[in-house]
Amino acid sequence: MRILFITDLHGDLRKYDKLYKTAQQHQVDIIVNGGDMLPKNGNLFQQDRFITRYLHKHFQQFEQAKLHYLCYLGNDDLKIFDPIFEETCQQYQYIQNFAQHKVVIHDIVSGRLKPAT
């Protein structure tokens, strides 16, 4: 299983686009985005627009490719937008906000292998 970990994209569209291309090129099974996903320059109170406009489209690519994408917002992402981020992630089967959530992909549960039954 190939896992690609990335963090601190801070709304950089070029980096987000490169993430998808890299995942495809290296035949990644799971992408883990470790936070600080939203822009930190300009008006921070418009981070919700980045979620609903750009991230929504970004997530669609991974959903269509059936690539698991685990992500959560970080310390530079305003907490007031957590509900919008959660709602956006819930629109997809392969996109999961894993902040305070248990995630199961194949036989892996929250980073540990499931016990044999």
PDB file of N, CA and C in Angstrom:
ATOM      1  N   MET A   1       0.850  -1.176   0.000  1.00  0.00           N
ATOM      2  CA  MET A   1       0.000   0.000   0.000  1.00  0.00           C
ATOM      3  C   MET A   1       0.894   1.237   0.000  1.00  0.00           C
ATOM      4  N   ARG A   2       0.601   2.165  -0.872  1.00  0.00           N
ATOM      5  CA  ARG A   2       1.380   3.405  -0.971  1.00  0.00           C
ATOM      6  C   ARG A   2       0.589   4.560  -0.354  1.00  0.00           C
ATOM      7  N   ILE A   3       1.242   5.239   0.580  1.00  0.00           N
ATOM      8  CA  ILE A   3       0.625   6.366   1.278  1.00  0.00           C
ATOM      9  C   ILE A   3       1.453   7.609   1.011  1.00  0.00           C
ATOM     10  N   LEU A   4       0.793   8.681   0.625  1.00  0.00           N
ATOM     11  CA  LEU A   4       1.446   9.964   0.406  1.00  0.00           C
ATOM     12  C   LEU A   4       0.996  10.922   1.498  1.00  0.00           C
ATOM     13  N   PHE A   5       1.951  11.434   2.269  1.00  0.00           N
ATOM     14  CA  PHE A   5       1.651  12.390   3.333  1.00  0.00           C
ATOM     15  C   PHE A   5       2.088  13.768   2.891  1.00  0.00           C
ATOM     16  N   ILE A   6       1.211  14.738   3.098  1.00  0.00           N
ATOM     17  CA  ILE A   6       1.517  16.130   2.766  1.00  0.00           C
ATOM     18  C   ILE A   6       0.910  17.022   3.840  1.00  0.00           C
ATOM     19  N   THR A   7       1.496  18.173   4.024  1.00  0.00           N
ATOM     20  CA  THR A   7       0.966  19.109   5.016  1.00  0.00           C
ATOM     21  C   THR A   7       1.356  20.530   4.631  1.00  0.00           C
ATOM     22  N   ASP A   8       0.708  21.480   5.270  1.00  0.00           N
ATOM     23  CA  ASP A   8       1.039  22.907   5.120  1.00  0.00           C
ATOM     24  C   ASP A   8       0.946  23.425   3.685  1.00  0.00           C
ATOM     25  N   LEU A   9      -0.142  23.096   3.005  1.00  0.00           N
ATOM     26  CA  LEU A   9      -0.340  23.621   1.652  1.00  0.00           C
ATOM     27  C   LEU A   9      -0.833  25.065   1.674  1.00  0.00           C
ATOM     28  N   HIS A  10      -1.461  25.479   2.758  1.00  0.00           N
ATOM     29  CA  HIS A  10      -1.890  26.869   2.969  1.00  0.00           C
ATOM     30  C   HIS A  10      -2.584  27.480   1.756  1.00  0.00           C
ATOM     31  N   GLY A  11      -3.441  26.686   1.107  1.00  0.00           N
ATOM     32  CA  GLY A  11      -4.237  27.222   0.002  1.00  0.00           C
ATOM     33  C   GLY A  11      -3.488  27.437  -1.295  1.00  0.00           C
ATOM     34  N   ASP A  12      -2.276  26.937  -1.416  1.00  0.00           N
ATOM     35  CA  ASP A  12      -1.478  27.117  -2.628  1.00  0.00           C
ATOM     36  C   ASP A  12      -2.018  26.203  -3.730  1.00  0.00           C
ATOM     37  N   LEU A  13      -2.720  26.774  -4.696  1.00  0.00           N
ATOM     38  CA  LEU A  13      -3.368  25.992  -5.745  1.00  0.00           C
ATOM     39  C   LEU A  13      -2.367  25.175  -6.551  1.00  0.00           C
ATOM     40  N   ARG A  14      -1.196  25.719  -6.774  1.00  0.00           N
ATOM     41  CA  ARG A  14      -0.162  25.006  -7.528  1.00  0.00           C
ATOM     42  C   ARG A  14       0.230  23.722  -6.803  1.00  0.00           C
ATOM     43  N   LYS A  15       0.371  23.814  -5.489  1.00  0.00           N
ATOM     44  CA  LYS A  15       0.724  22.627  -4.701  1.00  0.00           C
ATOM     45  C   LYS A  15      -0.412  21.616  -4.668  1.00  0.00           C
ATOM     46  N   TYR A  16      -1.638  22.098  -4.563  1.00  0.00           N
ATOM     47  CA  TYR A  16      -2.790  21.197  -4.589  1.00  0.00           C
ATOM     48  C   TYR A  16      -2.869  20.452  -5.923  1.00  0.00           C
ATOM     49  N   ASP A  17      -2.659  21.164  -7.024  1.00  0.00           N
ATOM     50  CA  ASP A  17      -2.690  20.525  -8.337  1.00  0.00           C
ATOM     51  C   ASP A  17      -1.567  19.499  -8.469  1.00  0.00           C
ATOM     52  N   LYS A  18      -0.398  19.832  -7.942  1.00  0.00           N
ATOM     53  CA  LYS A  18       0.738  18.914  -7.991  1.00  0.00           C
ATOM     54  C   LYS A  18       0.466  17.668  -7.140  1.00  0.00           C
ATOM     55  N   LEU A  19      -0.274  17.818  -6.061  1.00  0.00           N
ATOM     56  CA  LEU A  19      -0.609  16.687  -5.206  1.00  0.00           C
ATOM     57  C   LEU A  19      -1.373  15.627  -5.996  1.00  0.00           C
ATOM     58  N   TYR A  20      -2.367  16.040  -6.741  1.00  0.00           N
ATOM     59  CA  TYR A  20      -3.146  15.088  -7.521  1.00  0.00           C
ATOM     60  C   TYR A  20      -2.276  14.412  -8.577  1.00  0.00           C
ATOM     61  N   LYS A  21      -1.481  15.191  -9.274  1.00  0.00           N
ATOM     62  CA  LYS A  21      -0.610  14.633 -10.313  1.00  0.00           C
ATOM     63  C   LYS A  21       0.399  13.650  -9.727  1.00  0.00           C
ATOM     64  N   THR A  22       0.961  13.988  -8.589  1.00  0.00           N
ATOM     65  CA  THR A  22       1.937  13.114  -7.926  1.00  0.00           C
ATOM     66  C   THR A  22       1.284  11.811  -7.478  1.00  0.00           C
ATOM     67  N   ALA A  23       0.103  11.905  -6.915  1.00  0.00           N
ATOM     68  CA  ALA A  23      -0.621  10.709  -6.463  1.00  0.00           C
ATOM     69  C   ALA A  23      -0.899   9.776  -7.639  1.00  0.00           C
ATOM     70  N   GLN A  24      -1.290  10.331  -8.762  1.00  0.00           N
ATOM     71  CA  GLN A  24      -1.552   9.525  -9.953  1.00  0.00           C
ATOM     72  C   GLN A  24      -0.260   8.914 -10.493  1.00  0.00           C
ATOM     73  N   GLN A  25       0.763   9.724 -10.578  1.00  0.00           N
ATOM     74  CA  GLN A  25       2.037   9.278 -11.137  1.00  0.00           C
ATOM     75  C   GLN A  25       2.642   8.120 -10.338  1.00  0.00           C
ATOM     76  N   HIS A  26       2.528   8.175  -9.025  1.00  0.00           N
ATOM     77  CA  HIS A  26       3.138   7.167  -8.157  1.00  0.00           C
ATOM     78  C   HIS A  26       2.144   6.089  -7.703  1.00  0.00           C
ATOM     79  N   GLN A  27       0.959   6.093  -8.290  1.00  0.00           N
ATOM     80  CA  GLN A  27      -0.076   5.100  -7.993  1.00  0.00           C
ATOM     81  C   GLN A  27      -0.316   4.941  -6.490  1.00  0.00           C
ATOM     82  N   VAL A  28      -0.568   6.070  -5.873  1.00  0.00           N
ATOM     83  CA  VAL A  28      -0.801   6.135  -4.431  1.00  0.00           C
ATOM     84  C   VAL A  28      -2.183   5.579  -4.111  1.00  0.00           C
ATOM     85  N   ASP A  29      -2.289   4.884  -2.975  1.00  0.00           N
ATOM     86  CA  ASP A  29      -3.564   4.342  -2.529  1.00  0.00           C
ATOM     87  C   ASP A  29      -4.280   5.275  -1.552  1.00  0.00           C
ATOM     88  N   ILE A  30      -3.498   5.979  -0.729  1.00  0.00           N
ATOM     89  CA  ILE A  30      -4.064   6.853   0.303  1.00  0.00           C
ATOM     90  C   ILE A  30      -3.249   8.139   0.364  1.00  0.00           C
ATOM     91  N   ILE A  31      -3.951   9.255   0.407  1.00  0.00           N
ATOM     92  CA  ILE A  31      -3.325  10.560   0.625  1.00  0.00           C
ATOM     93  C   ILE A  31      -3.701  10.995   2.032  1.00  0.00           C
ATOM     94  N   VAL A  32      -2.720  11.463   2.793  1.00  0.00           N
ATOM     95  CA  VAL A  32      -2.964  12.009   4.122  1.00  0.00           C
ATOM     96  C   VAL A  32      -2.524  13.461   4.087  1.00  0.00           C
ATOM     97  N   ASN A  33      -3.465  14.361   4.267  1.00  0.00           N
ATOM     98  CA  ASN A  33      -3.161  15.790   4.316  1.00  0.00           C
ATOM     99  C   ASN A  33      -3.228  16.205   5.778  1.00  0.00           C
ATOM    100  N   GLY A  34      -2.057  16.519   6.348  1.00  0.00           N
ATOM    101  CA  GLY A  34      -1.925  16.740   7.778  1.00  0.00           C
ATOM    102  C   GLY A  34      -2.220  18.137   8.283  1.00  0.00           C
ATOM    103  N   GLY A  35      -3.001  18.899   7.589  1.00  0.00           N
ATOM    104  CA  GLY A  35      -3.453  20.175   8.138  1.00  0.00           C
ATOM    105  C   GLY A  35      -2.839  21.400   7.504  1.00  0.00           C
ATOM    106  N   ASP A  36      -3.290  22.543   7.996  1.00  0.00           N
ATOM    107  CA  ASP A  36      -2.952  23.845   7.418  1.00  0.00           C
ATOM    108  C   ASP A  36      -3.248  23.832   5.920  1.00  0.00           C
ATOM    109  N   MET A  37      -4.487  23.515   5.628  1.00  0.00           N
ATOM    110  CA  MET A  37      -4.938  23.353   4.252  1.00  0.00           C
ATOM    111  C   MET A  37      -5.400  24.672   3.624  1.00  0.00           C
ATOM    112  N   LEU A  38      -5.868  25.604   4.432  1.00  0.00           N
ATOM    113  CA  LEU A  38      -6.525  26.809   3.927  1.00  0.00           C
ATOM    114  C   LEU A  38      -5.548  27.979   3.812  1.00  0.00           C
ATOM    115  N   PRO A  39      -5.878  28.952   2.941  1.00  0.00           N
ATOM    116  CA  PRO A  39      -5.002  30.112   2.780  1.00  0.00           C
ATOM    117  C   PRO A  39      -4.805  30.862   4.094  1.00  0.00           C
ATOM    118  N   LYS A  40      -3.582  31.312   4.326  1.00  0.00           N
ATOM    119  CA  LYS A  40      -3.330  32.088   5.542  1.00  0.00           C
ATOM    120  C   LYS A  40      -2.990  33.538   5.218  1.00  0.00           C
ATOM    121  N   ASN A  41      -3.034  33.911   3.962  1.00  0.00           N
ATOM    122  CA  ASN A  41      -2.805  35.295   3.554  1.00  0.00           C
ATOM    123  C   ASN A  41      -4.135  35.949   3.219  1.00  0.00           C
ATOM    124  N   GLY A  42      -4.207  37.232   3.368  1.00  0.00           N
ATOM    125  CA  GLY A  42      -5.440  37.948   3.055  1.00  0.00           C
ATOM    126  C   GLY A  42      -6.437  37.861   4.193  1.00  0.00           C
ATOM    127  N   ASN A  43      -7.698  37.918   3.841  1.00  0.00           N
ATOM    128  CA  ASN A  43      -8.782  37.892   4.820  1.00  0.00           C
ATOM    129  C   ASN A  43      -9.055  36.450   5.253  1.00  0.00           C
ATOM    130  N   LEU A  44      -8.619  36.090   6.442  1.00  0.00           N
ATOM    131  CA  LEU A  44      -8.799  34.720   6.929  1.00  0.00           C
ATOM    132  C   LEU A  44     -10.269  34.350   7.077  1.00  0.00           C
ATOM    133  N   PHE A  45     -11.127  35.341   7.220  1.00  0.00           N
ATOM    134  CA  PHE A  45     -12.547  35.067   7.366  1.00  0.00           C
ATOM    135  C   PHE A  45     -13.206  34.694   6.038  1.00  0.00           C
ATOM    136  N   GLN A  46     -12.394  34.534   4.991  1.00  0.00           N
ATOM    137  CA  GLN A  46     -12.894  34.040   3.719  1.00  0.00           C
ATOM    138  C   GLN A  46     -12.376  32.640   3.419  1.00  0.00           C
ATOM    139  N   GLN A  47     -11.795  31.982   4.427  1.00  0.00           N
ATOM    140  CA  GLN A  47     -11.321  30.616   4.234  1.00  0.00           C
ATOM    141  C   GLN A  47     -12.463  29.671   3.861  1.00  0.00           C
ATOM    142  N   ASP A  48     -13.674  30.010   4.269  1.00  0.00           N
ATOM    143  CA  ASP A  48     -14.814  29.167   3.912  1.00  0.00           C
ATOM    144  C   ASP A  48     -15.015  29.114   2.408  1.00  0.00           C
ATOM    145  N   ARG A  49     -14.709  30.197   1.726  1.00  0.00           N
ATOM    146  CA  ARG A  49     -14.842  30.225   0.264  1.00  0.00           C
ATOM    147  C   ARG A  49     -13.863  29.246  -0.386  1.00  0.00           C
ATOM    148  N   PHE A  50     -12.682  29.131   0.179  1.00  0.00           N
ATOM    149  CA  PHE A  50     -11.705  28.184  -0.346  1.00  0.00           C
ATOM    150  C   PHE A  50     -12.230  26.754  -0.197  1.00  0.00           C
ATOM    151  N   ILE A  51     -12.860  26.490   0.921  1.00  0.00           N
ATOM    152  CA  ILE A  51     -13.420  25.153   1.156  1.00  0.00           C
ATOM    153  C   ILE A  51     -14.521  24.846   0.141  1.00  0.00           C
ATOM    154  N   THR A  52     -15.489  25.742   0.024  1.00  0.00           N
ATOM    155  CA  THR A  52     -16.660  25.461  -0.804  1.00  0.00           C
ATOM    156  C   THR A  52     -16.384  25.604  -2.302  1.00  0.00           C
ATOM    157  N   ARG A  53     -15.418  26.381  -2.660  1.00  0.00           N
ATOM    158  CA  ARG A  53     -15.129  26.573  -4.083  1.00  0.00           C
ATOM    159  C   ARG A  53     -13.999  25.667  -4.555  1.00  0.00           C
ATOM    160  N   TYR A  54     -12.823  25.828  -3.966  1.00  0.00           N
ATOM    161  CA  TYR A  54     -11.678  25.081  -4.479  1.00  0.00           C
ATOM    162  C   TYR A  54     -11.607  23.654  -3.940  1.00  0.00           C
ATOM    163  N   LEU A  55     -11.665  23.477  -2.627  1.00  0.00           N
ATOM    164  CA  LEU A  55     -11.503  22.131  -2.069  1.00  0.00           C
ATOM    165  C   LEU A  55     -12.572  21.179  -2.578  1.00  0.00           C
ATOM    166  N   HIS A  56     -13.767  21.692  -2.758  1.00  0.00           N
ATOM    167  CA  HIS A  56     -14.846  20.858  -3.287  1.00  0.00           C
ATOM    168  C   HIS A  56     -14.423  20.262  -4.643  1.00  0.00           C
ATOM    169  N   LYS A  57     -13.896  21.084  -5.528  1.00  0.00           N
ATOM    170  CA  LYS A  57     -13.443  20.607  -6.842  1.00  0.00           C
ATOM    171  C   LYS A  57     -12.213  19.704  -6.707  1.00  0.00           C
ATOM    172  N   HIS A  58     -11.310  20.062  -5.820  1.00  0.00           N
ATOM    173  CA  HIS A  58     -10.104  19.268  -5.566  1.00  0.00           C
ATOM    174  C   HIS A  58     -10.489  17.861  -5.116  1.00  0.00           C
ATOM    175  N   PHE A  59     -11.406  17.769  -4.181  1.00  0.00           N
ATOM    176  CA  PHE A  59     -11.844  16.478  -3.669  1.00  0.00           C
ATOM    177  C   PHE A  59     -12.525  15.637  -4.755  1.00  0.00           C
ATOM    178  N   GLN A  60     -13.234  16.274  -5.671  1.00  0.00           N
ATOM    179  CA  GLN A  60     -13.912  15.547  -6.745  1.00  0.00           C
ATOM    180  C   GLN A  60     -12.932  14.721  -7.568  1.00  0.00           C
ATOM    181  N   GLN A  61     -11.733  15.261  -7.805  1.00  0.00           N
ATOM    182  CA  GLN A  61     -10.722  14.521  -8.571  1.00  0.00           C
ATOM    183  C   GLN A  61     -10.372  13.206  -7.881  1.00  0.00           C
ATOM    184  N   PHE A  62     -10.140  13.264  -6.593  1.00  0.00           N
ATOM    185  CA  PHE A  62      -9.748  12.082  -5.835  1.00  0.00           C
ATOM    186  C   PHE A  62     -10.907  11.100  -5.725  1.00  0.00           C
ATOM    187  N   GLU A  63     -12.097  11.634  -5.589  1.00  0.00           N
ATOM    188  CA  GLU A  63     -13.287  10.787  -5.522  1.00  0.00           C
ATOM    189  C   GLU A  63     -13.466  10.015  -6.828  1.00  0.00           C
ATOM    190  N   GLN A  64     -13.346  10.702  -7.938  1.00  0.00           N
ATOM    191  CA  GLN A  64     -13.505  10.054  -9.243  1.00  0.00           C
ATOM    192  C   GLN A  64     -12.430   8.997  -9.484  1.00  0.00           C
ATOM    193  N   ALA A  65     -11.227   9.235  -8.965  1.00  0.00           N
ATOM    194  CA  ALA A  65     -10.121   8.286  -9.112  1.00  0.00           C
ATOM    195  C   ALA A  65     -10.175   7.174  -8.054  1.00  0.00           C
ATOM    196  N   LYS A  66     -11.130   7.279  -7.131  1.00  0.00           N
ATOM    197  CA  LYS A  66     -11.277   6.320  -6.027  1.00  0.00           C
ATOM    198  C   LYS A  66     -10.019   6.230  -5.172  1.00  0.00           C
ATOM    199  N   LEU A  67      -9.443   7.399  -4.905  1.00  0.00           N
ATOM    200  CA  LEU A  67      -8.270   7.502  -4.038  1.00  0.00           C
ATOM    201  C   LEU A  67      -8.715   7.977  -2.663  1.00  0.00           C
ATOM    202  N   HIS A  68      -8.357   7.243  -1.641  1.00  0.00           N
ATOM    203  CA  HIS A  68      -8.699   7.642  -0.278  1.00  0.00           C
ATOM    204  C   HIS A  68      -7.888   8.883   0.088  1.00  0.00           C
ATOM    205  N   TYR A  69      -8.576   9.867   0.624  1.00  0.00           N
ATOM    206  CA  TYR A  69      -7.963  11.151   0.966  1.00  0.00           C
ATOM    207  C   TYR A  69      -8.375  11.477   2.400  1.00  0.00           C
ATOM    208  N   LEU A  70      -7.437  11.335   3.315  1.00  0.00           N
ATOM    209  CA  LEU A  70      -7.679  11.643   4.721  1.00  0.00           C
ATOM    210  C   LEU A  70      -7.111  13.022   5.009  1.00  0.00           C
ATOM    211  N   CYS A  71      -7.887  13.845   5.684  1.00  0.00           N
ATOM    212  CA  CYS A  71      -7.417  15.211   5.895  1.00  0.00           C
ATOM    213  C   CYS A  71      -8.053  15.811   7.146  1.00  0.00           C
ATOM    214  N   TYR A  72      -7.450  16.860   7.613  1.00  0.00           N
ATOM    215  CA  TYR A  72      -8.027  17.647   8.697  1.00  0.00           C
ATOM    216  C   TYR A  72      -7.433  19.041   8.644  1.00  0.00           C
ATOM    217  N   LEU A  73      -8.139  19.982   9.233  1.00  0.00           N
ATOM    218  CA  LEU A  73      -7.671  21.362   9.268  1.00  0.00           C
ATOM    219  C   LEU A  73      -6.617  21.517  10.365  1.00  0.00           C
ATOM    220  N   GLY A  74      -5.742  22.485  10.210  1.00  0.00           N
ATOM    221  CA  GLY A  74      -4.652  22.677  11.166  1.00  0.00           C
ATOM    222  C   GLY A  74      -4.784  23.955  11.960  1.00  0.00           C
ATOM    223  N   ASN A  75      -3.703  24.313  12.628  1.00  0.00           N
ATOM    224  CA  ASN A  75      -3.722  25.468  13.529  1.00  0.00           C
ATOM    225  C   ASN A  75      -3.820  26.802  12.791  1.00  0.00           C
ATOM    226  N   ASP A  76      -3.478  26.852  11.502  1.00  0.00           N
ATOM    227  CA  ASP A  76      -3.617  28.090  10.737  1.00  0.00           C
ATOM    228  C   ASP A  76      -4.985  28.196  10.054  1.00  0.00           C
ATOM    229  N   ASP A  77      -5.791  27.179  10.190  1.00  0.00           N
ATOM    230  CA  ASP A  77      -7.127  27.155   9.596  1.00  0.00           C
ATOM    231  C   ASP A  77      -8.143  27.512  10.676  1.00  0.00           C
ATOM    232  N   LEU A  78      -8.960  28.525  10.417  1.00  0.00           N
ATOM    233  CA  LEU A  78      -9.883  29.009  11.437  1.00  0.00           C
ATOM    234  C   LEU A  78     -10.897  27.943  11.835  1.00  0.00           C
ATOM    235  N   LYS A  79     -10.991  27.718  13.135  1.00  0.00           N
ATOM    236  CA  LYS A  79     -11.872  26.690  13.698  1.00  0.00           C
ATOM    237  C   LYS A  79     -13.346  26.937  13.372  1.00  0.00           C
ATOM    238  N   ILE A  80     -13.721  28.178  13.156  1.00  0.00           N
ATOM    239  CA  ILE A  80     -15.125  28.478  12.860  1.00  0.00           C
ATOM    240  C   ILE A  80     -15.595  27.818  11.559  1.00  0.00           C
ATOM    241  N   PHE A  81     -14.638  27.403  10.715  1.00  0.00           N
ATOM    242  CA  PHE A  81     -14.999  26.773   9.445  1.00  0.00           C
ATOM    243  C   PHE A  81     -14.969  25.247   9.503  1.00  0.00           C
ATOM    244  N   ASP A  82     -14.722  24.678  10.679  1.00  0.00           N
ATOM    245  CA  ASP A  82     -14.730  23.219  10.830  1.00  0.00           C
ATOM    246  C   ASP A  82     -16.044  22.592  10.343  1.00  0.00           C
ATOM    247  N   PRO A  83     -17.208  23.149  10.697  1.00  0.00           N
ATOM    248  CA  PRO A  83     -18.460  22.529  10.232  1.00  0.00           C
ATOM    249  C   PRO A  83     -18.599  22.538   8.700  1.00  0.00           C
ATOM    250  N   ILE A  84     -18.175  23.599   8.051  1.00  0.00           N
ATOM    251  CA  ILE A  84     -18.245  23.669   6.581  1.00  0.00           C
ATOM    252  C   ILE A  84     -17.296  22.647   5.968  1.00  0.00           C
ATOM    253  N   PHE A  85     -16.117  22.512   6.563  1.00  0.00           N
ATOM    254  CA  PHE A  85     -15.155  21.519   6.086  1.00  0.00           C
ATOM    255  C   PHE A  85     -15.721  20.112   6.253  1.00  0.00           C
ATOM    256  N   GLU A  86     -16.305  19.841   7.399  1.00  0.00           N
ATOM    257  CA  GLU A  86     -16.899  18.522   7.659  1.00  0.00           C
ATOM    258  C   GLU A  86     -18.025  18.231   6.665  1.00  0.00           C
ATOM    259  N   GLU A  87     -18.898  19.201   6.428  1.00  0.00           N
ATOM    260  CA  GLU A  87     -19.994  19.026   5.474  1.00  0.00           C
ATOM    261  C   GLU A  87     -19.470  18.743   4.065  1.00  0.00           C
ATOM    262  N   THR A  88     -18.419  19.431   3.695  1.00  0.00           N
ATOM    263  CA  THR A  88     -17.826  19.237   2.374  1.00  0.00           C
ATOM    264  C   THR A  88     -17.251  17.827   2.249  1.00  0.00           C
ATOM    265  N   CYS A  89     -16.509  17.389   3.253  1.00  0.00           N
ATOM    266  CA  CYS A  89     -15.921  16.044   3.229  1.00  0.00           C
ATOM    267  C   CYS A  89     -16.988  14.963   3.192  1.00  0.00           C
ATOM    268  N   GLN A  90     -18.089  15.180   3.892  1.00  0.00           N
ATOM    269  CA  GLN A  90     -19.147  14.171   3.973  1.00  0.00           C
ATOM    270  C   GLN A  90     -19.868  13.949   2.643  1.00  0.00           C
ATOM    271  N   GLN A  91     -19.655  14.812   1.685  1.00  0.00           N
ATOM    272  CA  GLN A  91     -20.276  14.646   0.371  1.00  0.00           C
ATOM    273  C   GLN A  91     -19.620  13.534  -0.442  1.00  0.00           C
ATOM    274  N   TYR A  92     -18.497  13.015   0.059  1.00  0.00           N
ATOM    275  CA  TYR A  92     -17.704  12.058  -0.702  1.00  0.00           C
ATOM    276  C   TYR A  92     -17.474  10.772   0.081  1.00  0.00           C
ATOM    277  N   GLN A  93     -17.368   9.688  -0.641  1.00  0.00           N
ATOM    278  CA  GLN A  93     -17.081   8.399  -0.028  1.00  0.00           C
ATOM    279  C   GLN A  93     -15.595   8.252   0.280  1.00  0.00           C
ATOM    280  N   TYR A  94     -14.729   8.768  -0.575  1.00  0.00           N
ATOM    281  CA  TYR A  94     -13.284   8.567  -0.440  1.00  0.00           C
ATOM    282  C   TYR A  94     -12.570   9.700   0.290  1.00  0.00           C
ATOM    283  N   ILE A  95     -13.273  10.747   0.628  1.00  0.00           N
ATOM    284  CA  ILE A  95     -12.682  11.883   1.333  1.00  0.00           C
ATOM    285  C   ILE A  95     -13.146  11.820   2.774  1.00  0.00           C
ATOM    286  N   GLN A  96     -12.194  11.863   3.717  1.00  0.00           N
ATOM    287  CA  GLN A  96     -12.583  11.772   5.123  1.00  0.00           C
ATOM    288  C   GLN A  96     -11.826  12.786   5.963  1.00  0.00           C
ATOM    289  N   ASN A  97     -12.592  13.561   6.703  1.00  0.00           N
ATOM    290  CA  ASN A  97     -12.016  14.429   7.724  1.00  0.00           C
ATOM    291  C   ASN A  97     -11.732  13.514   8.908  1.00  0.00           C
ATOM    292  N   PHE A  98     -10.457  13.284   9.204  1.00  0.00           N
ATOM    293  CA  PHE A  98     -10.173  12.328  10.262  1.00  0.00           C
ATOM    294  C   PHE A  98      -9.773  12.970  11.577  1.00  0.00           C
ATOM    295  N   ALA A  99     -10.099  14.241  11.748  1.00  0.00           N
ATOM    296  CA  ALA A  99      -9.917  14.889  13.050  1.00  0.00           C
ATOM    297  C   ALA A  99     -10.968  14.327  14.012  1.00  0.00           C
ATOM    298  N   GLN A 100     -10.509  13.682  15.064  1.00  0.00           N
ATOM    299  CA  GLN A 100     -11.390  13.107  16.081  1.00  0.00           C
ATOM    300  C   GLN A 100     -12.313  12.022  15.532  1.00  0.00           C
ATOM    301  N   HIS A 101     -11.930  11.373  14.439  1.00  0.00           N
ATOM    302  CA  HIS A 101     -12.737  10.325  13.843  1.00  0.00           C
ATOM    303  C   HIS A 101     -11.918   9.048  13.687  1.00  0.00           C
ATOM    304  N   LYS A 102     -12.563   7.938  13.820  1.00  0.00           N
ATOM    305  CA  LYS A 102     -11.961   6.650  13.521  1.00  0.00           C
ATOM    306  C   LYS A 102     -12.107   6.426  12.017  1.00  0.00           C
ATOM    307  N   VAL A 103     -11.039   5.988  11.384  1.00  0.00           N
ATOM    308  CA  VAL A 103     -11.055   5.757   9.945  1.00  0.00           C
ATOM    309  C   VAL A 103     -10.693   4.304   9.673  1.00  0.00           C
ATOM    310  N   VAL A 104     -11.475   3.654   8.820  1.00  0.00           N
ATOM    311  CA  VAL A 104     -11.204   2.272   8.429  1.00  0.00           C
ATOM    312  C   VAL A 104     -11.045   2.234   6.910  1.00  0.00           C
ATOM    313  N   ILE A 105      -9.880   1.785   6.468  1.00  0.00           N
ATOM    314  CA  ILE A 105      -9.628   1.592   5.039  1.00  0.00           C
ATOM    315  C   ILE A 105      -9.027   0.209   4.899  1.00  0.00           C
ATOM    316  N   HIS A 106      -9.690  -0.628   4.138  1.00  0.00           N
ATOM    317  CA  HIS A 106      -9.261  -2.025   3.970  1.00  0.00           C
ATOM    318  C   HIS A 106      -9.136  -2.657   5.358  1.00  0.00           C
ATOM    319  N   ASP A 107      -7.967  -3.151   5.729  1.00  0.00           N
ATOM    320  CA  ASP A 107      -7.777  -3.779   7.037  1.00  0.00           C
ATOM    321  C   ASP A 107      -7.069  -2.866   8.030  1.00  0.00           C
ATOM    322  N   ILE A 108      -6.955  -1.605   7.709  1.00  0.00           N
ATOM    323  CA  ILE A 108      -6.252  -0.680   8.593  1.00  0.00           C
ATOM    324  C   ILE A 108      -7.269   0.168   9.339  1.00  0.00           C
ATOM    325  N   VAL A 109      -7.153   0.208  10.657  1.00  0.00           N
ATOM    326  CA  VAL A 109      -8.048   0.994  11.503  1.00  0.00           C
ATOM    327  C   VAL A 109      -7.211   2.014  12.253  1.00  0.00           C
ATOM    328  N   SER A 110      -7.438   3.277  11.977  1.00  0.00           N
ATOM    329  CA  SER A 110      -6.752   4.345  12.701  1.00  0.00           C
ATOM    330  C   SER A 110      -5.254   4.088  12.868  1.00  0.00           C
ATOM    331  N   GLY A 111      -4.633   3.577  11.824  1.00  0.00           N
ATOM    332  CA  GLY A 111      -3.197   3.381  11.845  1.00  0.00           C
ATOM    333  C   GLY A 111      -2.735   2.045  12.390  1.00  0.00           C
ATOM    334  N   ARG A 112      -3.654   1.196  12.868  1.00  0.00           N
ATOM    335  CA  ARG A 112      -3.290  -0.131  13.395  1.00  0.00           C
ATOM    336  C   ARG A 112      -3.987  -1.181  12.557  1.00  0.00           C
ATOM    337  N   LEU A 113      -3.349  -2.320  12.415  1.00  0.00           N
ATOM    338  CA  LEU A 113      -4.007  -3.427  11.718  1.00  0.00           C
ATOM    339  C   LEU A 113      -5.109  -3.995  12.590  1.00  0.00           C
ATOM    340  N   LYS A 114      -6.189  -4.357  11.976  1.00  0.00           N
ATOM    341  CA  LYS A 114      -7.291  -5.002  12.701  1.00  0.00           C
ATOM    342  C   LYS A 114      -6.819  -6.354  13.234  1.00  0.00           C
ATOM    343  N   PRO A 115      -7.237  -6.747  14.412  1.00  0.00           N
ATOM    344  CA  PRO A 115      -6.900  -8.091  14.885  1.00  0.00           C
ATOM    345  C   PRO A 115      -7.595  -9.139  14.033  1.00  0.00           C
ATOM    346  N   ALA A 116      -6.924 -10.259  13.844  1.00  0.00           N
ATOM    347  CA  ALA A 116      -7.512 -11.348  13.053  1.00  0.00           C
ATOM    348  C   ALA A 116      -8.729 -11.898  13.779  1.00  0.00           C
ATOM    349  N   THR A 117      -9.743 -12.272  13.035  1.00  0.00           N
ATOM    350  CA  THR A 117     -10.957 -12.841  13.636  1.00  0.00           C
ATOM    351  C   THR A 117     -11.070 -14.305  13.344  1.00  0.00           C
TER     352      THR A 117
END
